[in-house]
PDB file of N, CA and C in Angstrom:
ATOM      1  N   MET A   1      -5.834  15.518 -39.514  1.00  0.00           N
ATOM      2  CA  MET A   1      -5.702  15.822 -38.242  1.00  0.00           C
ATOM      3  C   MET A   1      -4.340  15.206 -37.802  1.00  0.00           C
ATOM      4  N   ARG A   2      -3.569  15.969 -37.040  1.00  0.00           N
ATOM      5  CA  ARG A   2      -2.528  15.754 -36.599  1.00  0.00           C
ATOM      6  C   ARG A   2      -2.100  14.832 -35.791  1.00  0.00           C
ATOM      7  N   THR A   3      -1.102  13.903 -35.727  1.00  0.00           N
ATOM      8  CA  THR A   3      -1.036  12.862 -34.452  1.00  0.00           C
ATOM      9  C   THR A   3       0.084  13.594 -33.592  1.00  0.00           C
ATOM     10  N   VAL A   4      -0.381  13.324 -32.256  1.00  0.00           N
ATOM     11  CA  VAL A   4       0.913  13.981 -31.413  1.00  0.00           C
ATOM     12  C   VAL A   4       1.628  12.886 -30.871  1.00  0.00           C
ATOM     13  N   LEU A   5       2.938  12.962 -30.631  1.00  0.00           N
ATOM     14  CA  LEU A   5       3.622  11.972 -30.120  1.00  0.00           C
ATOM     15  C   LEU A   5       3.533  12.152 -28.479  1.00  0.00           C
ATOM     16  N   TRP A   6       2.774  11.315 -27.815  1.00  0.00           N
ATOM     17  CA  TRP A   6       2.465  11.463 -26.396  1.00  0.00           C
ATOM     18  C   TRP A   6       3.745  10.796 -25.855  1.00  0.00           C
ATOM     19  N   ALA A   7       3.890   9.696 -26.237  1.00  0.00           N
ATOM     20  CA  ALA A   7       5.112   8.773 -25.656  1.00  0.00           C
ATOM     21  C   ALA A   7       6.611   9.354 -25.119  1.00  0.00           C
ATOM     22  N   PRO A   8       7.163   9.987 -26.206  1.00  0.00           N
ATOM     23  CA  PRO A   8       8.428  10.295 -26.119  1.00  0.00           C
ATOM     24  C   PRO A   8       8.100  11.866 -24.980  1.00  0.00           C
ATOM     25  N   ARG A   9       6.902  12.298 -24.696  1.00  0.00           N
ATOM     26  CA  ARG A   9       7.086  13.381 -23.977  1.00  0.00           C
ATOM     27  C   ARG A   9       6.666  12.771 -22.425  1.00  0.00           C
ATOM     28  N   PHE A  10       5.930  12.060 -22.604  1.00  0.00           N
ATOM     29  CA  PHE A  10       6.131  11.287 -21.078  1.00  0.00           C
ATOM     30  C   PHE A  10       7.186  10.663 -20.487  1.00  0.00           C
ATOM     31  N   ALA A  11       8.133   9.893 -21.609  1.00  0.00           N
ATOM     32  CA  ALA A  11       9.778   9.676 -20.901  1.00  0.00           C
ATOM     33  C   ALA A  11      10.483  10.700 -20.752  1.00  0.00           C
ATOM     34  N   ALA A  12      10.279  11.827 -21.496  1.00  0.00           N
ATOM     35  CA  ALA A  12      11.149  13.015 -21.377  1.00  0.00           C
ATOM     36  C   ALA A  12      10.852  13.481 -19.900  1.00  0.00           C
ATOM     37  N   VAL A  13       9.270  13.474 -19.219  1.00  0.00           N
ATOM     38  CA  VAL A  13       9.065  13.742 -17.999  1.00  0.00           C
ATOM     39  C   VAL A  13       9.588  12.843 -16.935  1.00  0.00           C
ATOM     40  N   TYR A  14       9.828  11.410 -17.469  1.00  0.00           N
ATOM     41  CA  TYR A  14      10.465  10.654 -16.388  1.00  0.00           C
ATOM     42  C   TYR A  14      11.760  10.908 -16.234  1.00  0.00           C
ATOM     43  N   PHE A  15      12.317  11.215 -17.448  1.00  0.00           N
ATOM     44  CA  PHE A  15      13.920  11.471 -17.432  1.00  0.00           C
ATOM     45  C   PHE A  15      14.173  12.798 -16.696  1.00  0.00           C
ATOM     46  N   LEU A  16      13.338  13.392 -17.179  1.00  0.00           N
ATOM     47  CA  LEU A  16      13.575  15.187 -16.231  1.00  0.00           C
ATOM     48  C   LEU A  16      13.523  14.446 -15.064  1.00  0.00           C
ATOM     49  N   ALA A  17      12.392  14.112 -14.414  1.00  0.00           N
ATOM     50  CA  ALA A  17      12.232  13.819 -13.011  1.00  0.00           C
ATOM     51  C   ALA A  17      13.559  13.139 -12.258  1.00  0.00           C
ATOM     52  N   ALA A  18      14.082  12.298 -12.968  1.00  0.00           N
ATOM     53  CA  ALA A  18      15.114  11.514 -12.100  1.00  0.00           C
ATOM     54  C   ALA A  18      16.628  12.637 -12.401  1.00  0.00           C
ATOM     55  N   VAL A  19      16.596  13.230 -13.135  1.00  0.00           N
ATOM     56  CA  VAL A  19      17.769  14.266 -13.078  1.00  0.00           C
ATOM     57  C   VAL A  19      17.251  15.390 -12.263  1.00  0.00           C
ATOM     58  N   ALA A  20      16.123  15.670 -11.857  1.00  0.00           N
ATOM     59  CA  ALA A  20      15.832  16.796 -10.894  1.00  0.00           C
ATOM     60  C   ALA A  20      15.994  16.177  -9.668  1.00  0.00           C
ATOM     61  N   LEU A  21      15.542  14.681  -9.274  1.00  0.00           N
ATOM     62  CA  LEU A  21      15.538  14.112  -8.196  1.00  0.00           C
ATOM     63  C   LEU A  21      17.277  14.082  -7.791  1.00  0.00           C
ATOM     64  N   LEU A  22      17.903  13.400  -8.690  1.00  0.00           N
ATOM     65  CA  LEU A  22      19.648  13.418  -8.515  1.00  0.00           C
ATOM     66  C   LEU A  22      20.298  15.001  -8.370  1.00  0.00           C
ATOM     67  N   VAL A  23      19.889  16.054  -8.916  1.00  0.00           N
ATOM     68  CA  VAL A  23      20.181  17.411  -8.462  1.00  0.00           C
ATOM     69  C   VAL A  23      19.858  17.714  -7.238  1.00  0.00           C
ATOM     70  N   LEU A  24      18.538  17.264  -6.734  1.00  0.00           N
ATOM     71  CA  LEU A  24      18.357  18.085  -5.345  1.00  0.00           C
ATOM     72  C   LEU A  24      18.993  17.139  -4.251  1.00  0.00           C
ATOM     73  N   PHE A  25      19.026  15.776  -4.704  1.00  0.00           N
ATOM     74  CA  PHE A  25      19.765  15.177  -3.404  1.00  0.00           C
ATOM     75  C   PHE A  25      21.246  15.488  -3.019  1.00  0.00           C
ATOM     76  N   ILE A  26      21.891  15.986  -4.724  1.00  0.00           N
ATOM     77  CA  ILE A  26      23.257  16.179  -4.280  1.00  0.00           C
ATOM     78  C   ILE A  26      23.191  17.550  -3.815  1.00  0.00           C
ATOM     79  N   ALA A  27      22.220  18.385  -4.204  1.00  0.00           N
ATOM     80  CA  ALA A  27      22.399  19.582  -3.775  1.00  0.00           C
ATOM     81  C   ALA A  27      22.385  19.951  -2.037  1.00  0.00           C
ATOM     82  N   ILE A  28      21.299  19.257  -1.613  1.00  0.00           N
ATOM     83  CA  ILE A  28      21.171  19.178  -0.209  1.00  0.00           C
ATOM     84  C   ILE A  28      22.008  18.307   0.595  1.00  0.00           C
ATOM     85  N   ASP A  29      23.037  17.681  -0.252  1.00  0.00           N
ATOM     86  CA  ASP A  29      24.065  16.758   0.042  1.00  0.00           C
ATOM     87  C   ASP A  29      23.698  15.581   1.045  1.00  0.00           C
ATOM     88  N   SER A  30      22.718  14.934   0.475  1.00  0.00           N
ATOM     89  CA  SER A  30      21.838  13.742   1.107  1.00  0.00           C
ATOM     90  C   SER A  30      22.536  12.780   0.733  1.00  0.00           C
ATOM     91  N   SER A  31      22.238  11.638   1.510  1.00  0.00           N
ATOM     92  CA  SER A  31      22.917  10.128   0.860  1.00  0.00           C
ATOM     93  C   SER A  31      22.166   9.839  -0.238  1.00  0.00           C
ATOM     94  N   LEU A  32      22.779   9.354  -1.416  1.00  0.00           N
ATOM     95  CA  LEU A  32      22.322   8.980  -2.515  1.00  0.00           C
ATOM     96  C   LEU A  32      21.842   7.724  -2.530  1.00  0.00           C
ATOM     97  N   ALA A  33      22.077   6.863  -1.728  1.00  0.00           N
ATOM     98  CA  ALA A  33      21.386   5.438  -1.520  1.00  0.00           C
ATOM     99  C   ALA A  33      19.946   5.659  -1.167  1.00  0.00           C
ATOM    100  N   ILE A  34      19.642   6.897  -0.532  1.00  0.00           N
ATOM    101  CA  ILE A  34      17.930   7.060  -0.513  1.00  0.00           C
ATOM    102  C   ILE A  34      17.645   7.146  -2.293  1.00  0.00           C
ATOM    103  N   ALA A  35      18.292   8.075  -3.068  1.00  0.00           N
ATOM    104  CA  ALA A  35      17.882   8.502  -4.225  1.00  0.00           C
ATOM    105  C   ALA A  35      17.796   7.715  -5.412  1.00  0.00           C
ATOM    106  N   ALA A  36      18.904   6.489  -5.059  1.00  0.00           N
ATOM    107  CA  ALA A  36      19.165   5.733  -6.222  1.00  0.00           C
ATOM    108  C   ALA A  36      17.938   4.784  -6.778  1.00  0.00           C
ATOM    109  N   PRO A  37      17.357   4.386  -5.722  1.00  0.00           N
ATOM    110  CA  PRO A  37      16.176   3.393  -6.328  1.00  0.00           C
ATOM    111  C   PRO A  37      15.320   4.289  -7.033  1.00  0.00           C
ATOM    112  N   LEU A  38      14.784   5.274  -6.601  1.00  0.00           N
ATOM    113  CA  LEU A  38      14.052   6.066  -7.056  1.00  0.00           C
ATOM    114  C   LEU A  38      14.327   6.553  -8.282  1.00  0.00           C
ATOM    115  N   VAL A  39      15.772   7.166  -8.902  1.00  0.00           N
ATOM    116  CA  VAL A  39      16.547   7.362  -9.879  1.00  0.00           C
ATOM    117  C   VAL A  39      16.245   6.068 -11.142  1.00  0.00           C
ATOM    118  N   LEU A  40      16.492   5.175 -10.388  1.00  0.00           N
ATOM    119  CA  LEU A  40      16.556   3.838 -11.238  1.00  0.00           C
ATOM    120  C   LEU A  40      15.109   3.318 -12.072  1.00  0.00           C
ATOM    121  N   ILE A  41      14.188   3.855 -11.036  1.00  0.00           N
ATOM    122  CA  ILE A  41      12.744   3.227 -11.325  1.00  0.00           C
ATOM    123  C   ILE A  41      12.274   4.402 -12.199  1.00  0.00           C
ATOM    124  N   LEU A  42      12.620   5.622 -12.216  1.00  0.00           N
ATOM    125  CA  LEU A  42      12.174   6.720 -13.024  1.00  0.00           C
ATOM    126  C   LEU A  42      12.914   6.450 -14.488  1.00  0.00           C
ATOM    127  N   ILE A  43      13.968   6.175 -14.119  1.00  0.00           N
ATOM    128  CA  ILE A  43      14.649   5.816 -15.794  1.00  0.00           C
ATOM    129  C   ILE A  43      14.157   4.578 -16.573  1.00  0.00           C
ATOM    130  N   GLY A  44      13.528   3.792 -15.655  1.00  0.00           N
ATOM    131  CA  GLY A  44      13.208   2.645 -16.170  1.00  0.00           C
ATOM    132  C   GLY A  44      11.672   2.921 -16.553  1.00  0.00           C
ATOM    133  N   LEU A  45      11.150   3.324 -16.067  1.00  0.00           N
ATOM    134  CA  LEU A  45       9.538   4.011 -16.597  1.00  0.00           C
ATOM    135  C   LEU A  45       9.955   4.542 -17.966  1.00  0.00           C
ATOM    136  N   GLY A  46      10.978   5.739 -17.844  1.00  0.00           N
ATOM    137  CA  GLY A  46      11.256   6.262 -19.373  1.00  0.00           C
ATOM    138  C   GLY A  46      11.584   5.473 -20.187  1.00  0.00           C
ATOM    139  N   VAL A  47      12.292   4.661 -20.185  1.00  0.00           N
ATOM    140  CA  VAL A  47      12.394   3.549 -21.056  1.00  0.00           C
ATOM    141  C   VAL A  47      11.512   2.480 -21.664  1.00  0.00           C
ATOM    142  N   ALA A  48      10.829   2.201 -20.569  1.00  0.00           N
ATOM    143  CA  ALA A  48       9.139   1.425 -20.913  1.00  0.00           C
ATOM    144  C   ALA A  48       8.524   2.202 -21.870  1.00  0.00           C
ATOM    145  N   VAL A  49       8.383   3.687 -21.454  1.00  0.00           N
ATOM    146  CA  VAL A  49       7.428   4.066 -22.307  1.00  0.00           C
ATOM    147  C   VAL A  49       7.733   4.092 -23.652  1.00  0.00           C
ATOM    148  N   LEU A  50       9.125   4.317 -23.937  1.00  0.00           N
ATOM    149  CA  LEU A  50       9.781   4.159 -25.058  1.00  0.00           C
ATOM    150  C   LEU A  50       9.586   2.737 -25.907  1.00  0.00           C
ATOM    151  N   ILE A  51       9.951   1.998 -25.237  1.00  0.00           N
ATOM    152  CA  ILE A  51       9.953   0.710 -26.040  1.00  0.00           C
ATOM    153  C   ILE A  51       8.575   0.516 -26.323  1.00  0.00           C
ATOM    154  N   ARG A  52       7.627   0.630 -25.402  1.00  0.00           N
ATOM    155  CA  ARG A  52       6.195   0.239 -25.565  1.00  0.00           C
ATOM    156  C   ARG A  52       5.583   1.069 -26.786  1.00  0.00           C
ATOM    157  N   ASN A  53       5.942   2.129 -26.977  1.00  0.00           N
ATOM    158  CA  ASN A  53       5.647   3.301 -27.820  1.00  0.00           C
ATOM    159  C   ASN A  53       5.947   2.517 -29.009  1.00  0.00           C
ATOM    160  N   ARG A  54       7.139   1.979 -29.276  1.00  0.00           N
ATOM    161  CA  ARG A  54       7.998   1.793 -30.176  1.00  0.00           C
ATOM    162  C   ARG A  54       7.389   0.374 -30.800  1.00  0.00           C
ATOM    163  N   THR A  55       6.818  -0.739 -29.956  1.00  0.00           N
ATOM    164  CA  THR A  55       6.253  -1.862 -30.223  1.00  0.00           C
ATOM    165  C   THR A  55       4.862  -1.657 -30.736  1.00  0.00           C
ATOM    166  N   VAL A  56       4.096  -0.741 -30.146  1.00  0.00           N
ATOM    167  CA  VAL A  56       2.706  -0.688 -30.282  1.00  0.00           C
ATOM    168  C   VAL A  56       2.679  -0.002 -31.621  1.00  0.00           C
ATOM    169  N   ARG A  57       3.875   0.936 -32.040  1.00  0.00           N
ATOM    170  CA  ARG A  57       3.432   1.597 -33.652  1.00  0.00           C
ATOM    171  C   ARG A  57       3.861   0.539 -34.641  1.00  0.00           C
ATOM    172  N   GLN A  58       4.679  -0.304 -34.349  1.00  0.00           N
ATOM    173  CA  GLN A  58       4.751  -1.322 -35.791  1.00  0.00           C
ATOM    174  C   GLN A  58       3.760  -2.182 -35.922  1.00  0.00           C
TER     175      GLN A  58
END
């Protein structure tokens, strides 16, 4: 039975959400002071998922 590596996929979703949020806020010419904490949280969650996956697998 093949194992599916879900953690990189979840991390990719977090990173893509951060990029989409950044592009959206730039496109509507809104203040990035609102988006910056959300982008940092999403990037942090993506990194946390990757780190957790790495430590659990070893």
